């Protein structure tokens, strides 16, 4: 994991806030300030959301685990972004495919980083 620059962090938070405000039906009763505070306290979560955004995804908060105060983000893009199509879960699944073999595995992306779309 790499840390985001201040500019990347602010750009990501601005994008997430705009998406949050545009899709309130996904998280009724949530307040952006609380979500932002939680995100700002976790560089690893910001990094993961930035990676999702960089590969063409549209992460948005969809739930809150109230006892732990944990927000759940999912990719809410209408369809899989082009750079994330034709991917197996792990190397074993990729090797086992005989027909219509995907180009890569998510395990490789986790190790080496996802390709930019």
Foldseek 3Di string as FASTA:
>chain_A
DDFDDPVLLVVLLVLQVVVCVVCVVLPPPDDSVLVVVVVVVDRVVSVVSSLCVQQPFRWYWRDAPVVVRDTDIDGPDPDDRPQPPQEAADPVVQVPDDPSRGPYYVNVCVVPNGDGD
